[in-house]
């Protein structure tokens, strides 16, 4: 890897890091603290990071570990998306906007009901757009395990979504 430039290489990752931390902790301020702690750790180890194959994967791993540690310590309860996150996915027509909002809330709720490993894999693949290899590196799994868990997570969300949509529950 070339010489590490904090502004060029690390700061652009802060939004991805925040989304992952938020998905794990379900708390905006806690996720912000985790990202800040990650940035401090990266800054303190900036001299050692030139040998890394993927700085992004390393940063995501640090965020994941910090978020899981803090979540286990504080035993957070699952929360819904707040209004700021919901407004990102707006649709011009009010009715369509309401329908899309309800769908996103339902999908988010269904994702939050998944086991932690499946939830993280689905977040990294479907929201963050990571490759199977990157996810495997971040979560210390094989690519096959990632694929199987992602398939099972999608199937569970799809099945529950269809049940609710079909029966209007």
N, C-alpha and C. Protein backbone atom coordinates (compact mmCIF):
# COMPACT_ATOMS: atom_id res chain seq x y z
N UNK A 1 0.85 -1.18 0.00
CA UNK A 1 0.00 0.00 0.00
C UNK A 1 0.89 1.24 0.00
N UNK A 2 0.46 2.30 -0.66
CA UNK A 2 1.24 3.52 -0.68
C UNK A 2 1.17 4.21 0.68
N UNK A 3 1.90 5.28 0.81
CA UNK A 3 1.95 6.03 2.06
C UNK A 3 0.53 6.41 2.49
N UNK A 4 0.22 6.17 3.75
CA UNK A 4 -1.12 6.44 4.28
C UNK A 4 -1.34 7.94 4.43
N UNK A 5 -2.42 8.43 3.85
CA UNK A 5 -2.83 9.82 3.99
C UNK A 5 -4.17 9.78 4.70
N UNK A 6 -4.22 10.28 5.93
CA UNK A 6 -5.42 10.14 6.76
C UNK A 6 -6.63 10.78 6.09
N UNK A 7 -6.47 11.98 5.56
CA UNK A 7 -7.62 12.66 4.92
C UNK A 7 -8.09 11.93 3.67
N UNK A 8 -7.17 11.45 2.89
CA UNK A 8 -7.53 10.80 1.62
C UNK A 8 -8.02 9.37 1.83
N UNK A 9 -7.40 8.63 2.74
CA UNK A 9 -7.66 7.20 2.87
C UNK A 9 -8.64 6.83 3.97
N UNK A 10 -8.62 7.54 5.09
CA UNK A 10 -9.41 7.12 6.25
C UNK A 10 -10.69 7.93 6.41
N UNK A 11 -10.62 9.23 6.32
CA UNK A 11 -11.81 10.05 6.55
C UNK A 11 -12.99 9.73 5.63
N UNK A 12 -12.78 9.39 4.35
CA UNK A 12 -13.92 9.02 3.51
C UNK A 12 -14.66 7.76 3.98
N UNK A 13 -14.06 6.98 4.84
CA UNK A 13 -14.68 5.74 5.33
C UNK A 13 -15.64 5.98 6.49
N UNK A 14 -15.68 7.20 7.03
CA UNK A 14 -16.43 7.43 8.26
C UNK A 14 -17.93 7.13 8.13
N UNK A 15 -18.52 7.38 6.97
CA UNK A 15 -19.95 7.09 6.81
C UNK A 15 -20.22 5.59 6.82
N UNK A 16 -19.37 4.82 6.15
CA UNK A 16 -19.52 3.36 6.16
C UNK A 16 -19.33 2.82 7.57
N UNK A 17 -18.34 3.36 8.25
CA UNK A 17 -18.07 2.92 9.61
C UNK A 17 -19.25 3.24 10.52
N UNK A 18 -19.82 4.42 10.34
CA UNK A 18 -20.98 4.81 11.15
C UNK A 18 -22.16 3.87 10.90
N UNK A 19 -22.44 3.60 9.61
CA UNK A 19 -23.58 2.74 9.30
C UNK A 19 -23.43 1.35 9.92
N UNK A 20 -22.23 0.81 9.88
CA UNK A 20 -22.00 -0.51 10.48
C UNK A 20 -22.16 -0.44 11.99
N UNK A 21 -21.57 0.57 12.61
CA UNK A 21 -21.69 0.71 14.07
C UNK A 21 -23.14 0.92 14.48
N UNK A 22 -23.87 1.70 13.70
CA UNK A 22 -25.28 1.96 14.01
C UNK A 22 -26.11 0.68 13.86
N UNK A 23 -25.80 -0.13 12.87
CA UNK A 23 -26.53 -1.38 12.65
C UNK A 23 -26.31 -2.34 13.81
N UNK A 24 -25.15 -2.28 14.43
CA UNK A 24 -24.85 -3.18 15.54
C UNK A 24 -25.42 -2.64 16.85
N UNK A 25 -25.25 -1.34 17.10
CA UNK A 25 -25.63 -0.77 18.40
C UNK A 25 -27.05 -0.24 18.46
N UNK A 26 -27.61 0.16 17.31
CA UNK A 26 -28.94 0.76 17.24
C UNK A 26 -29.03 2.06 18.04
N UNK A 27 -27.90 2.72 18.20
CA UNK A 27 -27.87 3.98 18.95
C UNK A 27 -26.94 4.95 18.22
N UNK A 28 -27.51 6.08 17.79
CA UNK A 28 -26.78 7.05 16.98
C UNK A 28 -25.55 7.59 17.73
N UNK A 29 -25.72 8.03 18.96
CA UNK A 29 -24.59 8.63 19.68
C UNK A 29 -23.52 7.58 19.99
N UNK A 30 -23.94 6.37 20.30
CA UNK A 30 -22.98 5.30 20.55
C UNK A 30 -22.19 4.98 19.28
N UNK A 31 -22.88 4.95 18.14
CA UNK A 31 -22.22 4.68 16.86
C UNK A 31 -21.22 5.79 16.53
N UNK A 32 -21.59 7.04 16.81
CA UNK A 32 -20.67 8.15 16.57
C UNK A 32 -19.43 8.01 17.45
N UNK A 33 -19.61 7.63 18.71
CA UNK A 33 -18.48 7.43 19.61
C UNK A 33 -17.57 6.30 19.12
N UNK A 34 -18.18 5.24 18.61
CA UNK A 34 -17.39 4.12 18.12
C UNK A 34 -16.56 4.54 16.91
N UNK A 35 -17.16 5.31 16.01
CA UNK A 35 -16.41 5.78 14.84
C UNK A 35 -15.27 6.69 15.29
N UNK A 36 -15.54 7.56 16.25
CA UNK A 36 -14.48 8.44 16.75
C UNK A 36 -13.35 7.63 17.38
N UNK A 37 -13.69 6.62 18.18
CA UNK A 37 -12.67 5.77 18.79
C UNK A 37 -11.86 5.03 17.72
N UNK A 38 -12.56 4.60 16.66
CA UNK A 38 -11.87 3.92 15.55
C UNK A 38 -10.88 4.86 14.88
N UNK A 39 -11.32 6.09 14.63
CA UNK A 39 -10.43 7.07 13.99
C UNK A 39 -9.20 7.34 14.86
N UNK A 40 -9.39 7.41 16.16
CA UNK A 40 -8.27 7.63 17.07
C UNK A 40 -7.31 6.44 17.02
N UNK A 41 -7.86 5.23 17.01
CA UNK A 41 -7.00 4.04 16.94
C UNK A 41 -6.21 4.00 15.63
N UNK A 42 -6.89 4.35 14.54
CA UNK A 42 -6.22 4.37 13.23
C UNK A 42 -5.11 5.42 13.25
N UNK A 43 -5.41 6.58 13.80
CA UNK A 43 -4.42 7.66 13.86
C UNK A 43 -3.20 7.21 14.68
N UNK A 44 -3.45 6.58 15.82
CA UNK A 44 -2.35 6.15 16.68
C UNK A 44 -1.50 5.05 16.04
N UNK A 45 -2.08 4.27 15.13
CA UNK A 45 -1.35 3.18 14.48
C UNK A 45 -1.01 3.52 13.03
N UNK A 46 -1.04 4.78 12.67
CA UNK A 46 -0.85 5.19 11.27
C UNK A 46 0.48 4.73 10.68
N UNK A 47 1.49 4.60 11.49
CA UNK A 47 2.78 4.15 10.99
C UNK A 47 2.81 2.67 10.66
N UNK A 48 1.93 1.89 11.26
CA UNK A 48 1.92 0.45 11.06
C UNK A 48 0.95 0.02 9.96
N UNK A 49 0.14 0.92 9.45
CA UNK A 49 -0.95 0.55 8.54
C UNK A 49 -0.54 0.43 7.08
N UNK A 50 0.67 0.83 6.75
CA UNK A 50 1.10 0.77 5.35
C UNK A 50 1.22 -0.66 4.83
N UNK A 51 1.40 -1.63 5.72
CA UNK A 51 1.52 -3.02 5.30
C UNK A 51 0.17 -3.70 5.09
N UNK A 52 -0.92 -3.06 5.47
CA UNK A 52 -2.24 -3.69 5.34
C UNK A 52 -2.64 -3.86 3.89
N UNK A 53 -3.32 -4.97 3.60
CA UNK A 53 -3.81 -5.20 2.25
C UNK A 53 -5.03 -4.31 1.99
N UNK A 54 -5.92 -4.19 2.98
CA UNK A 54 -7.12 -3.38 2.83
C UNK A 54 -7.35 -2.56 4.09
N UNK A 55 -7.13 -1.28 4.00
CA UNK A 55 -7.36 -0.39 5.13
C UNK A 55 -8.83 -0.37 5.50
N UNK A 56 -9.70 -0.38 4.48
CA UNK A 56 -11.14 -0.35 4.73
C UNK A 56 -11.59 -1.58 5.52
N UNK A 57 -11.13 -2.75 5.14
CA UNK A 57 -11.49 -3.97 5.86
C UNK A 57 -10.99 -3.91 7.30
N UNK A 58 -9.80 -3.38 7.50
CA UNK A 58 -9.26 -3.24 8.85
C UNK A 58 -10.13 -2.30 9.69
N UNK A 59 -10.50 -1.15 9.11
CA UNK A 59 -11.32 -0.18 9.83
C UNK A 59 -12.69 -0.78 10.17
N UNK A 60 -13.29 -1.47 9.22
CA UNK A 60 -14.59 -2.10 9.47
C UNK A 60 -14.50 -3.17 10.56
N UNK A 61 -13.39 -3.89 10.59
CA UNK A 61 -13.19 -4.89 11.63
C UNK A 61 -13.07 -4.24 13.00
N UNK A 62 -12.33 -3.14 13.06
CA UNK A 62 -12.19 -2.42 14.33
C UNK A 62 -13.55 -1.92 14.80
N UNK A 63 -14.33 -1.33 13.89
CA UNK A 63 -15.67 -0.83 14.25
C UNK A 63 -16.54 -1.97 14.74
N UNK A 64 -16.53 -3.08 14.00
CA UNK A 64 -17.36 -4.23 14.38
C UNK A 64 -17.01 -4.70 15.78
N UNK A 65 -15.73 -4.85 16.06
CA UNK A 65 -15.29 -5.34 17.37
C UNK A 65 -15.65 -4.36 18.49
N UNK A 66 -15.41 -3.08 18.26
CA UNK A 66 -15.76 -2.08 19.28
C UNK A 66 -17.27 -2.05 19.53
N UNK A 67 -18.04 -2.10 18.47
CA UNK A 67 -19.50 -2.04 18.61
C UNK A 67 -20.03 -3.26 19.35
N UNK A 68 -19.53 -4.42 19.02
CA UNK A 68 -19.98 -5.65 19.70
C UNK A 68 -19.59 -5.60 21.17
N UNK A 69 -18.38 -5.16 21.46
CA UNK A 69 -17.94 -5.05 22.86
C UNK A 69 -18.85 -4.11 23.64
N UNK A 70 -19.13 -2.95 23.08
CA UNK A 70 -19.97 -1.98 23.79
C UNK A 70 -21.41 -2.46 23.92
N UNK A 71 -21.90 -3.13 22.90
CA UNK A 71 -23.28 -3.64 22.95
C UNK A 71 -23.41 -4.71 24.02
N UNK A 72 -22.43 -5.57 24.10
CA UNK A 72 -22.48 -6.62 25.12
C UNK A 72 -22.37 -6.03 26.52
N UNK A 73 -21.61 -4.97 26.67
CA UNK A 73 -21.47 -4.35 27.99
C UNK A 73 -22.75 -3.66 28.42
N UNK A 74 -23.41 -2.98 27.50
CA UNK A 74 -24.57 -2.17 27.87
C UNK A 74 -25.91 -2.87 27.62
N UNK A 75 -25.88 -4.01 26.94
CA UNK A 75 -27.10 -4.77 26.63
C UNK A 75 -28.19 -3.87 26.04
N UNK A 76 -27.87 -3.31 24.87
CA UNK A 76 -28.81 -2.43 24.18
C UNK A 76 -30.03 -3.20 23.71
N UNK A 77 -31.16 -2.53 23.67
CA UNK A 77 -32.36 -3.07 23.05
C UNK A 77 -32.44 -2.55 21.62
N UNK A 78 -33.07 -3.32 20.73
CA UNK A 78 -33.22 -2.88 19.34
C UNK A 78 -34.12 -1.67 19.26
N UNK A 79 -33.69 -0.68 18.49
CA UNK A 79 -34.46 0.53 18.28
C UNK A 79 -34.81 0.65 16.81
N UNK A 80 -35.81 1.44 16.50
CA UNK A 80 -36.18 1.68 15.10
C UNK A 80 -35.27 2.76 14.52
N UNK A 81 -35.31 2.84 13.21
CA UNK A 81 -34.60 3.93 12.55
C UNK A 81 -35.19 5.25 13.01
N UNK A 82 -34.36 6.24 13.20
CA UNK A 82 -34.90 7.54 13.58
C UNK A 82 -35.31 8.30 12.31
N UNK A 83 -35.96 9.42 12.48
CA UNK A 83 -36.52 10.17 11.36
C UNK A 83 -35.47 10.62 10.35
N UNK A 84 -34.26 10.93 10.81
CA UNK A 84 -33.22 11.37 9.88
C UNK A 84 -32.88 10.29 8.87
N UNK A 85 -32.77 9.05 9.32
CA UNK A 85 -32.44 7.95 8.41
C UNK A 85 -33.60 7.66 7.46
N UNK A 86 -34.82 7.77 7.92
CA UNK A 86 -35.97 7.49 7.08
C UNK A 86 -36.12 8.54 5.97
N UNK A 87 -35.77 9.77 6.24
CA UNK A 87 -35.93 10.84 5.24
C UNK A 87 -34.96 10.70 4.07
N UNK A 88 -33.92 9.90 4.22
CA UNK A 88 -32.97 9.70 3.13
C UNK A 88 -33.65 9.02 1.95
N UNK A 89 -34.61 8.14 2.21
CA UNK A 89 -35.24 7.33 1.17
C UNK A 89 -36.59 7.89 0.75
N UNK A 90 -36.71 9.18 0.59
CA UNK A 90 -38.01 9.77 0.29
C UNK A 90 -38.38 9.62 -1.18
N UNK A 91 -39.70 9.55 -1.44
CA UNK A 91 -40.28 9.46 -2.78
C UNK A 91 -41.20 10.67 -2.93
N UNK A 92 -41.22 11.33 -4.10
CA UNK A 92 -41.98 12.57 -4.25
C UNK A 92 -43.47 12.48 -3.90
N UNK A 93 -44.17 11.44 -4.38
CA UNK A 93 -45.60 11.30 -4.14
C UNK A 93 -45.85 10.94 -2.68
N UNK A 94 -46.74 11.65 -1.96
CA UNK A 94 -46.95 11.39 -0.54
C UNK A 94 -47.40 9.95 -0.24
N UNK A 95 -48.30 9.41 -1.07
CA UNK A 95 -48.76 8.04 -0.82
C UNK A 95 -47.61 7.05 -1.01
N UNK A 96 -46.88 7.21 -2.12
CA UNK A 96 -45.74 6.33 -2.37
C UNK A 96 -44.68 6.49 -1.28
N UNK A 97 -44.52 7.71 -0.83
CA UNK A 97 -43.55 7.98 0.23
C UNK A 97 -43.94 7.22 1.50
N UNK A 98 -45.24 7.25 1.83
CA UNK A 98 -45.71 6.55 3.02
C UNK A 98 -45.53 5.03 2.87
N UNK A 99 -45.86 4.50 1.70
CA UNK A 99 -45.73 3.07 1.45
C UNK A 99 -44.26 2.64 1.55
N UNK A 100 -43.37 3.40 0.91
CA UNK A 100 -41.94 3.09 0.97
C UNK A 100 -41.42 3.17 2.41
N UNK A 101 -41.88 4.16 3.15
CA UNK A 101 -41.45 4.31 4.54
C UNK A 101 -41.86 3.09 5.36
N UNK A 102 -43.09 2.66 5.17
CA UNK A 102 -43.57 1.49 5.91
C UNK A 102 -42.80 0.23 5.52
N UNK A 103 -42.48 0.09 4.23
CA UNK A 103 -41.71 -1.07 3.77
C UNK A 103 -40.32 -1.06 4.40
N UNK A 104 -39.67 0.10 4.40
CA UNK A 104 -38.33 0.20 4.98
C UNK A 104 -38.34 -0.09 6.47
N UNK A 105 -39.35 0.41 7.16
CA UNK A 105 -39.46 0.15 8.59
C UNK A 105 -39.64 -1.34 8.84
N UNK A 106 -40.49 -1.96 8.04
CA UNK A 106 -40.74 -3.39 8.18
C UNK A 106 -39.47 -4.20 7.88
N UNK A 107 -38.79 -3.87 6.79
CA UNK A 107 -37.57 -4.60 6.43
C UNK A 107 -36.51 -4.40 7.50
N UNK A 108 -36.38 -3.19 8.00
CA UNK A 108 -35.41 -2.93 9.06
C UNK A 108 -35.76 -3.74 10.31
N UNK A 109 -37.03 -3.78 10.65
CA UNK A 109 -37.46 -4.56 11.82
C UNK A 109 -37.16 -6.05 11.61
N UNK A 110 -37.43 -6.54 10.41
CA UNK A 110 -37.17 -7.95 10.11
C UNK A 110 -35.67 -8.25 10.14
N UNK A 111 -34.85 -7.32 9.63
CA UNK A 111 -33.40 -7.50 9.69
C UNK A 111 -32.91 -7.51 11.13
N UNK A 112 -33.51 -6.67 11.97
CA UNK A 112 -33.08 -6.60 13.36
C UNK A 112 -33.46 -7.85 14.14
N UNK A 113 -34.42 -8.62 13.64
CA UNK A 113 -34.83 -9.87 14.29
C UNK A 113 -33.88 -11.02 13.95
N UNK A 114 -33.03 -10.83 12.95
CA UNK A 114 -32.10 -11.89 12.54
C UNK A 114 -31.03 -12.10 13.61
N UNK A 115 -30.44 -13.29 13.63
CA UNK A 115 -29.28 -13.49 14.51
C UNK A 115 -28.16 -12.51 14.12
N UNK A 116 -27.31 -12.20 15.07
CA UNK A 116 -26.30 -11.15 14.88
C UNK A 116 -25.43 -11.38 13.65
N UNK A 117 -24.94 -12.61 13.47
CA UNK A 117 -24.06 -12.89 12.34
C UNK A 117 -24.78 -12.64 11.01
N UNK A 118 -26.00 -13.12 10.89
CA UNK A 118 -26.75 -12.93 9.65
C UNK A 118 -27.06 -11.45 9.43
N UNK A 119 -27.39 -10.74 10.50
CA UNK A 119 -27.69 -9.31 10.40
C UNK A 119 -26.47 -8.53 9.91
N UNK A 120 -25.30 -8.84 10.45
CA UNK A 120 -24.07 -8.15 10.05
C UNK A 120 -23.71 -8.47 8.60
N UNK A 121 -23.84 -9.73 8.22
CA UNK A 121 -23.52 -10.11 6.84
C UNK A 121 -24.46 -9.42 5.87
N UNK A 122 -25.74 -9.39 6.18
CA UNK A 122 -26.72 -8.73 5.31
C UNK A 122 -26.44 -7.23 5.22
N UNK A 123 -26.08 -6.62 6.33
CA UNK A 123 -25.75 -5.19 6.34
C UNK A 123 -24.54 -4.93 5.44
N UNK A 124 -23.49 -5.72 5.63
CA UNK A 124 -22.26 -5.49 4.87
C UNK A 124 -22.45 -5.77 3.38
N UNK A 125 -23.22 -6.78 3.02
CA UNK A 125 -23.38 -7.14 1.61
C UNK A 125 -24.43 -6.27 0.92
N UNK A 126 -25.63 -6.18 1.50
CA UNK A 126 -26.74 -5.53 0.81
C UNK A 126 -26.79 -4.02 1.01
N UNK A 127 -26.28 -3.54 2.12
CA UNK A 127 -26.30 -2.09 2.37
C UNK A 127 -24.96 -1.46 2.00
N UNK A 128 -23.87 -2.08 2.46
CA UNK A 128 -22.55 -1.52 2.22
C UNK A 128 -21.95 -1.95 0.88
N UNK A 129 -22.48 -3.02 0.28
CA UNK A 129 -22.00 -3.47 -1.02
C UNK A 129 -20.64 -4.17 -0.99
N UNK A 130 -20.29 -4.76 0.13
CA UNK A 130 -19.02 -5.46 0.25
C UNK A 130 -19.06 -6.79 -0.50
N UNK A 131 -17.88 -7.24 -0.95
CA UNK A 131 -17.77 -8.54 -1.61
C UNK A 131 -17.79 -9.64 -0.55
N UNK A 132 -18.01 -10.86 -1.02
CA UNK A 132 -18.01 -12.00 -0.09
C UNK A 132 -16.65 -12.13 0.59
N UNK A 133 -15.59 -11.91 -0.15
CA UNK A 133 -14.24 -12.02 0.40
C UNK A 133 -14.01 -10.97 1.48
N UNK A 134 -14.43 -9.74 1.23
CA UNK A 134 -14.25 -8.68 2.23
C UNK A 134 -15.04 -8.99 3.49
N UNK A 135 -16.26 -9.47 3.33
CA UNK A 135 -17.08 -9.81 4.49
C UNK A 135 -16.44 -10.96 5.26
N UNK A 136 -15.95 -11.95 4.54
CA UNK A 136 -15.28 -13.08 5.19
C UNK A 136 -14.08 -12.61 6.00
N UNK A 137 -13.30 -11.68 5.44
CA UNK A 137 -12.14 -11.15 6.17
C UNK A 137 -12.56 -10.36 7.40
N UNK A 138 -13.60 -9.53 7.26
CA UNK A 138 -14.05 -8.69 8.36
C UNK A 138 -14.58 -9.53 9.51
N UNK A 139 -15.37 -10.56 9.19
CA UNK A 139 -16.03 -11.36 10.23
C UNK A 139 -15.27 -12.65 10.58
N UNK A 140 -14.11 -12.85 9.97
CA UNK A 140 -13.29 -14.05 10.21
C UNK A 140 -14.07 -15.33 9.93
N UNK A 141 -14.70 -15.38 8.76
CA UNK A 141 -15.44 -16.55 8.31
C UNK A 141 -14.92 -16.96 6.94
N UNK A 142 -15.34 -18.14 6.47
CA UNK A 142 -15.02 -18.52 5.10
C UNK A 142 -16.05 -17.88 4.17
N UNK A 143 -15.70 -17.77 2.89
CA UNK A 143 -16.65 -17.19 1.93
C UNK A 143 -17.91 -18.04 1.83
N UNK A 144 -17.77 -19.35 1.96
CA UNK A 144 -18.93 -20.23 1.90
C UNK A 144 -19.87 -19.97 3.07
N UNK A 145 -19.32 -19.76 4.26
CA UNK A 145 -20.14 -19.44 5.43
C UNK A 145 -20.88 -18.12 5.22
N UNK A 146 -20.20 -17.16 4.61
CA UNK A 146 -20.83 -15.87 4.33
C UNK A 146 -22.00 -16.06 3.38
N UNK A 147 -21.79 -16.82 2.31
CA UNK A 147 -22.84 -17.04 1.33
C UNK A 147 -24.04 -17.77 1.93
N UNK A 148 -23.77 -18.79 2.72
CA UNK A 148 -24.85 -19.56 3.35
C UNK A 148 -25.64 -18.67 4.32
N UNK A 149 -24.93 -17.93 5.15
CA UNK A 149 -25.61 -17.06 6.12
C UNK A 149 -26.39 -15.95 5.43
N UNK A 150 -25.84 -15.40 4.35
CA UNK A 150 -26.55 -14.36 3.62
C UNK A 150 -27.81 -14.93 2.97
N UNK A 151 -27.71 -16.10 2.39
CA UNK A 151 -28.88 -16.74 1.78
C UNK A 151 -29.96 -16.98 2.82
N UNK A 152 -29.57 -17.51 3.97
CA UNK A 152 -30.55 -17.79 5.04
C UNK A 152 -31.17 -16.50 5.57
N UNK A 153 -30.36 -15.46 5.72
CA UNK A 153 -30.89 -14.18 6.20
C UNK A 153 -31.90 -13.60 5.22
N UNK A 154 -31.55 -13.61 3.94
CA UNK A 154 -32.47 -13.08 2.92
C UNK A 154 -33.75 -13.90 2.88
N UNK A 155 -33.62 -15.21 2.99
CA UNK A 155 -34.81 -16.07 2.96
C UNK A 155 -35.72 -15.77 4.15
N UNK A 156 -35.15 -15.61 5.33
CA UNK A 156 -35.95 -15.31 6.52
C UNK A 156 -36.67 -13.98 6.37
N UNK A 157 -35.94 -12.96 5.91
CA UNK A 157 -36.55 -11.64 5.75
C UNK A 157 -37.64 -11.71 4.68
N UNK A 158 -37.37 -12.36 3.58
CA UNK A 158 -38.35 -12.49 2.49
C UNK A 158 -39.59 -13.25 2.96
N UNK A 159 -39.38 -14.35 3.64
CA UNK A 159 -40.51 -15.15 4.12
C UNK A 159 -41.39 -14.36 5.08
N UNK A 160 -40.76 -13.73 6.06
CA UNK A 160 -41.54 -12.95 7.05
C UNK A 160 -42.21 -11.74 6.38
N UNK A 161 -41.52 -11.10 5.43
CA UNK A 161 -42.11 -9.96 4.72
C UNK A 161 -43.35 -10.40 3.95
N UNK A 162 -43.23 -11.51 3.23
CA UNK A 162 -44.37 -12.01 2.46
C UNK A 162 -45.53 -12.43 3.36
N UNK A 163 -45.22 -13.04 4.51
CA UNK A 163 -46.28 -13.40 5.45
C UNK A 163 -47.03 -12.16 5.93
N UNK A 164 -46.30 -11.16 6.30
CA UNK A 164 -46.91 -9.93 6.81
C UNK A 164 -47.65 -9.20 5.70
N UNK A 165 -47.03 -9.10 4.52
CA UNK A 165 -47.65 -8.41 3.39
C UNK A 165 -48.91 -9.13 2.93
N UNK A 166 -48.85 -10.44 2.90
CA UNK A 166 -50.00 -11.24 2.44
C UNK A 166 -51.18 -11.15 3.40
N UNK A 167 -50.90 -11.19 4.70
CA UNK A 167 -51.96 -11.22 5.69
C UNK A 167 -52.26 -9.87 6.31
N UNK A 168 -51.44 -8.88 5.98
CA UNK A 168 -51.70 -7.52 6.47
C UNK A 168 -51.53 -7.37 7.97
N UNK A 169 -50.65 -8.15 8.57
CA UNK A 169 -50.44 -8.07 10.01
C UNK A 169 -49.53 -6.94 10.38
